[in-house]
């Protein structure tokens, strides 16, 4: 996981891959294709399911449907 991401992304409790569309032409092309030619975010893909601007509830439901469980955070000392 990258250390220079905004807080909400580094606080994630599930493994994920982050693609910077400014740096990755393939990622940019994918985003544009999935959004009818527009660059809209966030775009989340879970097990081949593409979701544009999903709610927390939708993310939780889809993760659960695929048996993906958030890991527990370690307590800060």
Foldseek 3Di string as FASTA:
>chain_A
DDPPDPPVVVPFQFDDDDDDVVVDVVVVVVCCVVVVNDNADDWDADPNDIDHPDDPVVVVVVCVVVVTDGDDDDDDD
